[in-house]
Protein backbone atom coordinates (compact mmCIF):
# COMPACT_ATOMS: atom_id res chain seq x y z
CA MET A 1 243.73 -63.15 150.45
CA ILE A 2 244.92 -61.93 147.06
CA TRP A 3 248.47 -63.34 147.09
CA THR A 4 250.73 -65.41 149.30
CA PRO A 5 254.49 -65.93 149.49
CA LEU A 6 253.92 -69.47 150.83
CA THR A 7 254.48 -72.59 148.79
CA ALA A 8 251.78 -75.21 148.34
CA THR A 9 253.69 -77.41 150.82
CA ASP A 10 253.71 -74.61 153.41
CA LEU A 11 250.01 -73.92 152.94
CA ALA A 12 249.13 -77.63 153.19
CA ALA A 13 251.15 -77.93 156.40
CA GLN A 14 249.46 -74.90 157.95
CA LEU A 15 245.98 -76.06 156.99
CA THR A 16 246.69 -79.55 158.36
CA ALA A 17 248.03 -78.06 161.60
CA ARG A 18 244.76 -76.13 161.96
CA GLY A 19 242.67 -79.25 161.63
CA HIS A 20 242.03 -79.24 157.87
CA PRO A 21 244.09 -82.10 156.45
CA VAL A 22 244.76 -81.41 152.78
CA SER A 23 247.36 -82.56 150.26
CA THR A 24 249.80 -80.34 148.41
CA HIS A 25 248.12 -81.37 145.16
CA ILE A 26 244.78 -79.93 146.32
CA VAL A 27 246.45 -76.75 147.58
CA ASP A 28 248.00 -76.29 144.13
CA HIS A 29 244.48 -75.98 142.69
CA LEU A 30 243.00 -73.72 145.39
CA PRO A 31 244.45 -70.36 144.26
CA ALA A 32 242.96 -70.59 140.76
CA ALA A 33 239.59 -71.59 142.18
CA HIS A 34 239.57 -68.59 144.53
CA ALA A 35 241.23 -65.89 142.37
CA CYS A 36 244.49 -65.99 144.32
CA ARG A 37 248.02 -66.26 143.03
CA ARG A 38 251.59 -66.67 144.23
CA ARG A 39 253.35 -63.39 144.85
CA LYS A 40 256.08 -62.54 142.39
CA ALA A 41 258.74 -59.87 142.77
CA GLN A 42 258.01 -56.92 140.55
CA LYS A 43 260.13 -54.00 139.52
CA SER A 44 258.23 -50.78 138.86
CA LEU A 45 260.95 -49.06 136.82
CA PRO A 46 264.02 -50.46 135.11
CA ARG A 47 267.21 -49.15 136.71
CA ARG A 48 268.23 -47.09 133.71
CA GLU A 49 264.98 -45.11 133.91
CA GLN A 50 265.08 -44.59 137.68
CA GLU A 51 265.95 -41.01 138.60
CA ASP A 52 268.33 -40.58 141.55
CA ARG A 53 269.12 -44.30 141.61
CA ASP A 54 272.62 -43.60 142.93
CA GLU A 55 271.47 -41.23 145.68
CA GLN A 56 271.54 -43.88 148.41
CA PHE A 57 275.11 -44.84 147.54
CA VAL A 58 276.27 -41.21 147.43
CA THR A 59 274.64 -40.58 150.82
CA THR A 60 276.19 -43.69 152.37
CA ALA A 61 279.62 -42.75 151.03
CA ARG A 62 279.25 -39.23 152.47
CA TRP A 63 278.25 -40.60 155.89
CA THR A 64 281.19 -43.02 155.82
CA ARG A 65 283.60 -40.21 154.92
CA GLU A 66 282.24 -37.99 157.71
CA TYR A 67 282.50 -40.81 160.24
CA LEU A 68 286.07 -41.65 159.28
CA ASP A 69 287.09 -37.98 159.25
CA ARG A 70 285.93 -37.65 162.87
CA GLY A 71 288.26 -40.44 163.94
CA THR A 72 287.60 -42.99 166.64
CA ARG A 73 286.41 -41.99 170.09
CA SER A 74 287.96 -43.55 173.18
């Protein structure tokens, strides 16, 4: 395990449920001892540098226009 989205409380609860009773305090120290870390959201490129960042919105608008132009089917 390299990272986890779980909190120390969640990890402690899961370990306890699996027969390894442990406190949240101990779980807080486990990642550092085993080269693990909490997962953090990361952005690879800032929006202003992202090419075609509006493409999804243009495509969705086109699909919406096409759908509405067809009218409703009975």
